[in-house]
């Protein structure tokens, strides 16, 4: 999903520096390089930053400019959106440095709508250490890295350890198959009266999670080339809906709320009213800081995957450079991306300072995430911040120990949010109407989705 779930990667040590990612979640503008070797680059920041966030940004700029005396950094308020990107590019209003979601990386690269910075990226000390499942979102067909992954998320199965114990389940051995999820959900519901398993259905999240489970079941909701929806032709979509239908009507293990969105399901999970649910793997920070989750209650594991094509839906943010940037501007832009986005996870000093500050403010440090680097680099990063880790990492080990082995599946590329929205009603129907006709619901959704694809194309 493109809004809240993509922000889930900001938990843990990144929470305290969330203004940094917010300052880059955008795109367009002019830049200048002079004959005396000095260069000016524009970098995107969100409009309306609070004073503290803007002051922190300006302080970072001052440090960067001191270390790069020939570079001047100018902030430009700009919010990147796919529908306006081409106009911004043609009109010369694109900043030199901006960010884009994973879903748009390969298309922009294929159309040469972002700069080829791959040789500059190759020169970075950590260039060979990216998590390949994450790095591919910013790669051209030949594998060269045109955009730098700065944050990522992969879906996970969140579970309440206290409810597991109450139901006679071992919280240190969470389910590893969807049948085990179903069995555990029924035990929790029967033993505690709470929802053993719940799912989001509103504000586009119903479609988001239906797509997530379809991927995990080995199917897809969109063709490989992103040109058509496959809602009624891929059997995994109907299989997931039938699975939810059985949980709801045969097992009675889904409680009574079938209008959850991202915020409300977090609230009920933190309050102990939900045994399991699927959401971004980096959700712990939000549950702690916004919903007062009791740390002892929390458990996290990877999604069970079925079949040869089972994968975990993921997404994230790429930092990119304007295709109109000069060679000097591209070089300065990559230096800025390295400094502003990457140093807090790739440089020991910056990583320690960020973690120390977060811990001092009681922000979660060390919460799970889908790392942008490979396991070796990520392990090193964890060792740097280990003195400041303040989250129950052992309770998250079923996720962190396995997430590197799960193939990452990107979100659908075409009309993503619009299709998610129409699938909300499909999931709601299955959970509120015992006689819901799943094939008919999907046939209707397919027709509506085809119209959305035609409009987008």
Protein backbone atom coordinates (compact mmCIF):
# COMPACT_ATOMS: atom_id res chain seq x y z
CA UNK A 1 0.00 0.00 0.00
CA UNK A 2 1.29 3.45 -0.73
CA UNK A 3 0.51 5.54 2.35
CA UNK A 4 0.62 4.25 5.92
CA UNK A 5 2.04 0.81 5.22
CA UNK A 6 5.01 2.21 3.31
CA UNK A 7 5.74 4.31 6.37
CA UNK A 8 5.98 1.24 8.55
CA UNK A 9 9.66 1.08 7.77
CA UNK A 10 10.15 4.21 9.83
CA UNK A 11 9.78 2.44 13.14
CA UNK A 12 12.64 1.64 15.49
CA UNK A 13 15.71 3.77 15.13
CA UNK A 14 14.24 5.33 12.03
CA UNK A 15 11.34 6.77 14.00
CA UNK A 16 13.45 9.53 15.41
CA UNK A 17 14.68 10.36 11.92
CA UNK A 18 11.35 10.00 10.16
CA UNK A 19 11.59 13.62 9.09
CA UNK A 20 14.52 12.51 6.95
CA UNK A 21 12.42 10.16 4.87
CA UNK A 22 9.53 12.59 4.85
CA UNK A 23 11.90 15.22 3.59
CA UNK A 24 12.64 13.04 0.62
CA UNK A 25 9.25 11.53 -0.24
CA UNK A 26 8.82 13.66 -3.30
CA UNK A 27 10.18 14.65 -6.76
CA UNK A 28 11.07 17.82 -9.66
CA UNK A 29 13.18 21.35 -9.91
CA UNK A 30 16.11 23.02 -11.54
CA UNK A 31 19.75 22.84 -10.58
CA UNK A 32 22.95 24.59 -11.51
CA UNK A 33 26.63 23.89 -11.85
CA UNK A 34 29.16 26.60 -12.53
CA UNK A 35 32.46 26.78 -14.36
CA UNK A 36 34.39 27.17 -11.10
CA UNK A 37 33.54 23.60 -10.06
CA UNK A 38 30.79 24.55 -7.63
CA UNK A 39 27.41 22.91 -7.99
CA UNK A 40 23.94 23.52 -6.60
CA UNK A 41 21.42 20.72 -6.22
CA UNK A 42 17.77 20.86 -5.23
CA UNK A 43 16.45 18.18 -2.93
CA UNK A 44 12.79 17.50 -2.28
CA UNK A 45 11.19 17.91 1.12
CA UNK A 46 7.56 17.63 2.11
CA UNK A 47 5.55 20.80 2.38
CA UNK A 48 4.59 22.00 5.83
CA UNK A 49 7.31 20.39 7.91
CA UNK A 50 7.12 21.34 11.57
CA UNK A 51 9.81 23.75 12.75
CA UNK A 52 11.81 21.10 14.60
CA UNK A 53 11.89 18.85 11.55
CA UNK A 54 12.91 21.70 9.27
CA UNK A 55 15.57 22.86 11.73
CA UNK A 56 16.96 19.33 11.84
CA UNK A 57 16.97 19.20 8.06
CA UNK A 58 18.79 22.53 7.82
CA UNK A 59 21.34 21.32 10.36
CA UNK A 60 21.99 18.24 8.26
CA UNK A 61 22.45 20.42 5.20
CA UNK A 62 25.01 22.52 7.06
CA UNK A 63 27.00 19.41 7.99
CA UNK A 64 26.87 18.13 4.41
CA UNK A 65 27.96 21.44 2.91
CA UNK A 66 30.86 21.66 5.35
CA UNK A 67 32.04 18.24 4.19
CA UNK A 68 31.33 19.13 0.53
CA UNK A 69 32.39 22.78 0.20
CA UNK A 70 31.77 22.83 -3.55
CA UNK A 71 28.13 21.76 -3.19
CA UNK A 72 25.16 23.90 -2.22
CA UNK A 73 21.95 22.15 -1.24
CA UNK A 74 18.62 23.90 -1.74
CA UNK A 75 15.42 22.40 -0.34
CA UNK A 76 12.35 22.34 -2.56
CA UNK A 77 8.89 21.55 -1.25
CA UNK A 78 7.54 18.95 -3.61
CA UNK A 79 5.36 15.84 -3.40
CA UNK A 80 5.89 13.19 -6.02
CA UNK A 81 2.81 11.56 -7.54
CA UNK A 82 2.69 9.29 -10.56
CA UNK A 83 -0.03 11.25 -12.44
CA UNK A 84 1.89 14.54 -12.30
CA UNK A 85 5.43 13.22 -12.67
CA UNK A 86 5.67 13.51 -16.46
CA UNK A 87 4.39 17.08 -16.37
CA UNK A 88 6.87 17.99 -13.66
CA UNK A 89 9.71 16.44 -15.62
CA UNK A 90 8.77 18.17 -18.87
CA UNK A 91 8.21 21.49 -17.12
CA UNK A 92 11.57 21.43 -15.36
CA UNK A 93 10.06 21.51 -11.88
CA UNK A 94 11.58 18.24 -10.71
CA UNK A 95 14.17 18.46 -7.90
CA UNK A 96 17.54 16.87 -8.55
CA UNK A 97 16.93 14.40 -5.70
CA UNK A 98 13.51 12.93 -4.96
CA UNK A 99 12.00 9.66 -3.82
CA UNK A 100 9.66 7.24 -5.52
CA UNK A 101 7.81 4.11 -4.35
CA UNK A 102 9.11 0.68 -5.28
CA UNK A 103 6.08 0.17 -7.52
CA UNK A 104 7.22 2.88 -9.93
CA UNK A 105 10.97 2.29 -10.07
CA UNK A 106 11.28 -0.09 -12.99
CA UNK A 107 8.82 1.80 -15.17
CA UNK A 108 10.63 5.10 -14.71
CA UNK A 109 13.94 3.39 -15.42
CA UNK A 110 12.64 1.74 -18.59
CA UNK A 111 11.36 5.12 -19.80
CA UNK A 112 14.63 6.82 -18.81
CA UNK A 113 12.65 9.24 -16.63
CA UNK A 114 15.25 9.10 -13.89
CA UNK A 115 19.00 9.41 -14.23
CA UNK A 116 21.34 6.46 -14.64
CA UNK A 117 23.48 6.82 -11.52
CA UNK A 118 24.60 3.20 -11.50
CA UNK A 119 28.34 3.92 -11.85
CA UNK A 120 28.17 6.36 -8.96
CA UNK A 121 26.24 3.84 -6.88
CA UNK A 122 28.81 1.16 -7.68
CA UNK A 123 31.46 3.39 -6.07
CA UNK A 124 29.63 3.50 -2.73
CA UNK A 125 31.29 1.34 -0.06
CA UNK A 126 28.13 -0.70 0.50
CA UNK A 127 27.13 -1.08 -3.15
CA UNK A 128 27.62 -4.85 -3.09
CA UNK A 129 25.74 -5.28 0.18
CA UNK A 130 22.16 -4.49 -0.82
CA UNK A 131 19.47 -7.05 -0.11
CA UNK A 132 18.88 -8.35 -3.66
CA UNK A 133 15.14 -8.75 -3.06
CA UNK A 134 14.98 -5.04 -2.24
CA UNK A 135 17.58 -3.67 -4.66
CA UNK A 136 15.78 -5.04 -7.71
CA UNK A 137 13.08 -2.39 -7.37
CA UNK A 138 15.63 0.23 -8.44
CA UNK A 139 17.42 -1.79 -11.09
CA UNK A 140 17.29 -1.68 -14.88
CA UNK A 141 16.78 -4.87 -16.88
CA UNK A 142 20.56 -5.39 -17.03
CA UNK A 143 20.83 -5.27 -13.22
CA UNK A 144 22.43 -1.84 -12.95
CA UNK A 145 21.29 0.22 -9.96
CA UNK A 146 19.55 3.41 -11.18
CA UNK A 147 17.83 4.22 -7.88
CA UNK A 148 18.91 3.55 -4.30
CA UNK A 149 16.60 1.69 -1.88
CA UNK A 150 16.43 3.72 1.32
CA UNK A 151 13.61 1.94 3.17
CA UNK A 152 11.58 -1.24 2.73
CA UNK A 153 8.84 -3.28 4.31
CA UNK A 154 7.66 -6.86 3.99
CA UNK A 155 4.37 -8.17 5.32
CA UNK A 156 4.34 -10.26 8.48
CA UNK A 157 1.98 -12.22 10.72
CA UNK A 158 1.57 -10.36 14.02
CA UNK A 159 0.32 -12.41 16.95
CA UNK A 160 -0.57 -11.93 20.60
CA UNK A 161 1.62 -14.14 22.76
CA UNK A 162 -0.66 -13.79 25.78
CA UNK A 163 -3.69 -15.02 23.82
CA UNK A 164 -1.58 -17.86 22.41
CA UNK A 165 -0.69 -18.97 25.93
CA UNK A 166 -4.30 -18.68 27.09
CA UNK A 167 -5.34 -20.96 24.22
CA UNK A 168 -2.70 -23.57 25.08
CA UNK A 169 -0.48 -22.62 22.13
CA UNK A 170 3.29 -22.19 22.32
CA UNK A 171 4.04 -18.51 21.58
CA UNK A 172 7.61 -19.44 20.68
CA UNK A 173 6.34 -21.72 17.90
CA UNK A 174 3.95 -19.62 15.79
CA UNK A 175 2.08 -21.14 12.81
CA UNK A 176 4.12 -22.04 9.75
CA UNK A 177 1.24 -22.93 7.40
CA UNK A 178 -2.13 -21.34 6.72
CA UNK A 179 -3.88 -24.42 8.07
CA UNK A 180 -1.96 -23.97 11.31
CA UNK A 181 -3.04 -20.31 11.34
CA UNK A 182 -6.65 -21.42 10.99
CA UNK A 183 -6.33 -24.03 13.75
CA UNK A 184 -4.66 -21.54 16.09
CA UNK A 185 -7.31 -18.92 15.37
CA UNK A 186 -10.10 -21.29 16.38
CA UNK A 187 -8.31 -22.32 19.57
CA UNK A 188 -7.81 -18.67 20.54
CA UNK A 189 -11.40 -17.77 19.79
CA UNK A 190 -12.81 -20.78 21.65
CA UNK A 191 -10.57 -20.27 24.68
CA UNK A 192 -10.68 -16.49 25.06
CA UNK A 193 -13.73 -15.21 23.20
CA UNK A 194 -11.51 -12.84 21.24
CA UNK A 195 -10.96 -12.84 17.49
CA UNK A 196 -8.42 -15.54 16.73
CA UNK A 197 -7.67 -13.95 13.38
CA UNK A 198 -8.79 -10.60 11.97
CA UNK A 199 -8.25 -8.83 8.69
CA UNK A 200 -8.49 -5.33 7.31
CA UNK A 201 -11.34 -4.54 4.93
CA UNK A 202 -11.69 -0.75 4.70
CA UNK A 203 -9.91 2.32 3.30
CA UNK A 204 -8.21 0.25 0.56
CA UNK A 205 -6.65 -2.08 3.14
CA UNK A 206 -9.02 -4.93 2.31
CA UNK A 207 -7.61 -5.09 -1.20
CA UNK A 208 -4.09 -4.66 0.12
CA UNK A 209 -4.33 -7.64 2.46
CA UNK A 210 -6.26 -9.76 -0.06
CA UNK A 211 -3.40 -9.13 -2.49
CA UNK A 212 -0.89 -9.99 0.26
CA UNK A 213 -2.52 -13.33 0.97
CA UNK A 214 -2.93 -14.09 -2.72
CA UNK A 215 0.84 -13.64 -3.15
CA UNK A 216 1.49 -15.84 -0.12
CA UNK A 217 -0.82 -18.53 -1.53
CA UNK A 218 1.26 -18.54 -4.71
CA UNK A 219 -0.99 -16.44 -6.95
CA UNK A 220 -1.11 -12.88 -8.23
CA UNK A 221 -3.84 -10.29 -8.69
CA UNK A 222 -2.13 -8.79 -11.76
CA UNK A 223 -0.41 -10.17 -14.86
CA UNK A 224 3.38 -10.27 -14.83
CA UNK A 225 3.63 -7.33 -17.23
CA UNK A 226 1.19 -5.24 -15.21
CA UNK A 227 -1.23 -4.82 -18.11
CA UNK A 228 -4.30 -6.62 -16.79
CA UNK A 229 -5.91 -7.73 -13.52
CA UNK A 230 -6.23 -11.45 -12.81
CA UNK A 231 -8.85 -11.37 -10.08
CA UNK A 232 -11.13 -14.02 -11.58
CA UNK A 233 -8.53 -16.03 -13.50
CA UNK A 234 -5.92 -16.73 -10.83
CA UNK A 235 -7.40 -19.44 -8.58
CA UNK A 236 -5.41 -18.23 -5.56
CA UNK A 237 -7.62 -15.15 -5.21
CA UNK A 238 -10.75 -17.28 -4.77
CA UNK A 239 -8.80 -19.68 -2.56
CA UNK A 240 -7.91 -16.87 -0.15
CA UNK A 241 -11.50 -15.63 -0.02
CA UNK A 242 -12.74 -19.17 0.63
CA UNK A 243 -10.17 -19.47 3.40
CA UNK A 244 -11.47 -16.28 5.03
CA UNK A 245 -15.04 -17.43 4.50
CA UNK A 246 -14.28 -20.66 6.37
CA UNK A 247 -12.57 -18.82 9.22
CA UNK A 248 -15.58 -16.56 9.54
CA UNK A 249 -18.57 -18.85 9.00
CA UNK A 250 -17.39 -22.40 9.69
CA UNK A 251 -14.99 -21.67 12.55
CA UNK A 252 -16.43 -18.47 14.02
CA UNK A 253 -12.91 -17.34 14.80
CA UNK A 254 -12.83 -13.81 13.32
CA UNK A 255 -14.72 -11.89 15.95
CA UNK A 256 -17.41 -9.38 15.06
CA UNK A 257 -15.63 -6.38 13.50
CA UNK A 258 -15.42 -6.62 9.72
CA UNK A 259 -14.68 -2.98 8.97
CA UNK A 260 -11.11 -2.71 10.15
CA UNK A 261 -8.63 -0.36 8.53
CA UNK A 262 -4.94 -0.02 9.33
CA UNK A 263 -5.44 2.22 12.36
CA UNK A 264 -8.37 0.43 13.98
CA UNK A 265 -6.93 -3.08 13.62
CA UNK A 266 -3.74 -1.84 15.30
CA UNK A 267 -5.84 -0.47 18.15
CA UNK A 268 -7.71 -3.72 18.76
CA UNK A 269 -4.60 -5.85 18.43
CA UNK A 270 -2.74 -3.71 20.96
CA UNK A 271 -5.74 -3.92 23.28
CA UNK A 272 -5.61 -7.74 23.25
CA UNK A 273 -8.76 -8.27 21.19
CA UNK A 274 -7.06 -9.97 18.23
CA UNK A 275 -4.93 -13.09 18.21
CA UNK A 276 -3.37 -12.69 14.74
CA UNK A 277 -3.45 -10.35 11.79
CA UNK A 278 -1.38 -9.55 8.71
CA UNK A 279 0.28 -6.17 8.19
CA UNK A 280 3.68 -4.66 7.49
CA UNK A 281 6.47 -6.40 9.39
CA UNK A 282 7.72 -3.10 10.79
CA UNK A 283 4.49 -2.31 12.62
CA UNK A 284 5.88 -2.64 16.15
CA UNK A 285 6.87 1.01 16.48
CA UNK A 286 3.38 2.20 15.60
CA UNK A 287 1.81 -0.30 17.99
CA UNK A 288 4.03 0.93 20.82
CA UNK A 289 4.04 4.68 20.21
CA UNK A 290 0.45 5.10 19.02
CA UNK A 291 -1.48 2.22 20.57
CA UNK A 292 0.25 1.48 23.91
CA UNK A 293 0.95 -2.14 23.08
CA UNK A 294 2.31 -4.19 25.99
CA UNK A 295 5.69 -5.48 24.74
CA UNK A 296 5.23 -8.84 26.47
CA UNK A 297 2.10 -9.46 24.36
CA UNK A 298 3.85 -9.10 21.03
CA UNK A 299 4.99 -11.77 18.62
CA UNK A 300 5.91 -11.59 14.95
CA UNK A 301 6.59 -14.23 12.34
CA UNK A 302 6.85 -14.45 8.57
CA UNK A 303 3.86 -15.23 6.39
CA UNK A 304 3.42 -18.88 5.50
CA UNK A 305 4.12 -19.32 1.77
CA UNK A 306 2.50 -21.92 -0.47
CA UNK A 307 3.54 -23.31 -3.83
CA UNK A 308 6.52 -22.51 -6.02
CA UNK A 309 5.42 -18.89 -6.53
CA UNK A 310 4.55 -18.01 -2.95
CA UNK A 311 6.05 -14.69 -1.92
CA UNK A 312 5.75 -11.88 0.59
CA UNK A 313 4.28 -8.63 -0.63
CA UNK A 314 6.64 -5.79 0.05
CA UNK A 315 7.34 -2.26 -0.88
CA UNK A 316 9.39 0.71 0.06
CA UNK A 317 11.08 3.88 -1.07
CA UNK A 318 13.79 4.58 -3.64
CA UNK A 319 15.92 7.71 -3.86
CA UNK A 320 16.35 8.86 -7.45
CA UNK A 321 17.97 11.66 -9.44
CA UNK A 322 16.47 13.83 -12.17
CA UNK A 323 17.39 12.73 -15.70
CA UNK A 324 18.16 16.38 -16.48
CA UNK A 325 20.93 16.57 -13.90
CA UNK A 326 24.44 17.23 -15.23
CA UNK A 327 27.29 14.82 -14.40
CA UNK A 328 28.45 17.12 -11.59
CA UNK A 329 24.92 17.40 -10.24
CA UNK A 330 24.42 13.62 -10.37
CA UNK A 331 27.64 13.13 -8.44
CA UNK A 332 26.59 15.64 -5.79
CA UNK A 333 23.10 14.11 -5.67
CA UNK A 334 24.45 10.63 -4.94
CA UNK A 335 26.72 12.10 -2.27
CA UNK A 336 23.62 13.67 -0.70
CA UNK A 337 21.62 10.42 -0.83
CA UNK A 338 24.54 8.60 0.75
CA UNK A 339 24.80 11.19 3.51
CA UNK A 340 21.15 11.98 4.18
CA UNK A 341 19.41 8.63 3.77
CA UNK A 342 21.99 5.89 4.02
CA UNK A 343 24.53 6.95 6.64
CA UNK A 344 22.26 6.19 9.60
CA UNK A 345 22.20 2.53 8.57
CA UNK A 346 25.53 2.18 6.73
CA UNK A 347 27.87 4.27 8.89
CA UNK A 348 28.67 3.15 12.43
CA UNK A 349 28.95 6.63 13.94
CA UNK A 350 25.69 7.88 12.47
CA UNK A 351 23.88 4.63 13.28
CA UNK A 352 24.96 4.79 16.92
CA UNK A 353 24.05 8.46 17.28
CA UNK A 354 20.61 7.87 15.78
CA UNK A 355 19.93 4.85 18.00
CA UNK A 356 21.20 6.60 21.13
CA UNK A 357 18.95 9.59 20.54
CA UNK A 358 15.93 7.38 19.81
CA UNK A 359 16.47 5.38 22.99
CA UNK A 360 16.81 8.56 25.04
CA UNK A 361 13.35 9.59 23.83
CA UNK A 362 11.86 6.13 24.54
CA UNK A 363 11.44 5.43 20.83
CA UNK A 364 11.71 1.76 19.81
CA UNK A 365 15.22 0.79 18.74
CA UNK A 366 15.84 -2.48 16.92
CA UNK A 367 12.28 -3.20 15.78
CA UNK A 368 11.91 -5.58 12.83
CA UNK A 369 12.19 -4.29 9.31
CA UNK A 370 12.89 -5.57 5.85
CA UNK A 371 16.55 -4.56 5.59
CA UNK A 372 17.79 -2.75 2.51
CA UNK A 373 21.15 -4.46 3.01
CA UNK A 374 22.10 -8.12 2.94
CA UNK A 375 22.20 -10.22 6.06
CA UNK A 376 25.91 -9.66 6.76
CA UNK A 377 25.64 -5.87 6.55
CA UNK A 378 22.41 -5.89 8.53
CA UNK A 379 23.99 -8.03 11.25
CA UNK A 380 26.82 -5.52 11.48
CA UNK A 381 24.32 -2.68 11.77
CA UNK A 382 22.54 -4.53 14.55
CA UNK A 383 25.81 -4.92 16.42
CA UNK A 384 26.37 -1.16 16.24
CA UNK A 385 23.01 -0.33 17.78
CA UNK A 386 22.82 -3.29 20.18
CA UNK A 387 23.55 -1.23 23.35
CA UNK A 388 20.43 0.83 22.65
CA UNK A 389 18.01 -1.89 21.55
CA UNK A 390 14.90 -1.65 23.71
CA UNK A 391 12.46 -4.01 21.99
CA UNK A 392 11.82 -7.74 22.68
CA UNK A 393 13.87 -9.04 19.78
CA UNK A 394 13.53 -12.71 20.76
CA UNK A 395 9.76 -12.42 20.32
CA UNK A 396 10.35 -11.19 16.76
CA UNK A 397 12.98 -13.78 15.85
CA UNK A 398 10.53 -15.96 13.86
CA UNK A 399 10.32 -12.99 11.47
CA UNK A 400 13.86 -11.63 11.51
CA UNK A 401 15.45 -15.08 11.19
CA UNK A 402 13.48 -15.92 8.04
CA UNK A 403 12.64 -12.71 6.19
CA UNK A 404 15.84 -12.85 4.11
CA UNK A 405 14.72 -16.20 2.70
CA UNK A 406 11.33 -14.97 1.54
CA UNK A 407 11.02 -13.79 -2.08
CA UNK A 408 9.71 -10.23 -2.21
CA UNK A 409 6.71 -9.60 -4.45
CA UNK A 410 6.07 -5.96 -5.42
CA UNK A 411 2.64 -4.43 -5.21
CA UNK A 412 0.56 -4.40 -8.40
CA UNK A 413 1.70 -1.61 -10.72
CA UNK A 414 -1.51 -0.41 -12.35
CA UNK A 415 -4.36 1.46 -10.64
CA UNK A 416 -3.11 -0.03 -7.39
CA UNK A 417 -5.12 1.94 -4.87
CA UNK A 418 -8.28 1.99 -7.01
CA UNK A 419 -8.24 -1.80 -7.33
CA UNK A 420 -7.55 -2.17 -3.62
CA UNK A 421 -10.61 0.01 -2.96
CA UNK A 422 -12.96 -2.09 -5.07
CA UNK A 423 -11.64 -5.27 -3.45
CA UNK A 424 -12.55 -3.86 -0.02
CA UNK A 425 -16.21 -4.53 -0.77
CA UNK A 426 -15.44 -8.06 -1.99
CA UNK A 427 -13.76 -8.98 1.30
CA UNK A 428 -16.51 -7.28 3.30
CA UNK A 429 -19.15 -9.25 1.42
CA UNK A 430 -17.45 -12.55 2.16
CA UNK A 431 -17.24 -11.74 5.86
CA UNK A 432 -20.75 -10.34 6.29
CA UNK A 433 -22.81 -12.54 3.94
CA UNK A 434 -22.71 -16.26 4.68
CA UNK A 435 -24.00 -17.00 1.19
CA UNK A 436 -21.59 -14.70 -0.64
CA UNK A 437 -20.91 -15.98 -4.17
CA UNK A 438 -17.14 -15.67 -4.47
CA UNK A 439 -16.88 -16.39 -8.23
CA UNK A 440 -19.60 -13.82 -8.96
CA UNK A 441 -17.96 -11.23 -6.72
CA UNK A 442 -14.63 -11.72 -8.45
CA UNK A 443 -16.15 -11.64 -11.94
CA UNK A 444 -17.71 -8.28 -11.14
CA UNK A 445 -14.51 -6.99 -9.56
CA UNK A 446 -12.56 -8.13 -12.64
CA UNK A 447 -14.79 -6.07 -14.94
CA UNK A 448 -14.41 -3.00 -12.77
CA UNK A 449 -10.66 -3.51 -12.52
CA UNK A 450 -10.33 -3.90 -16.30
CA UNK A 451 -12.02 -0.52 -16.71
CA UNK A 452 -9.56 1.01 -14.24
CA UNK A 453 -6.63 -0.52 -16.13
CA UNK A 454 -7.95 0.78 -19.44
CA UNK A 455 -8.29 4.24 -17.96
CA UNK A 456 -4.79 4.12 -16.48
CA UNK A 457 -3.31 2.90 -19.76
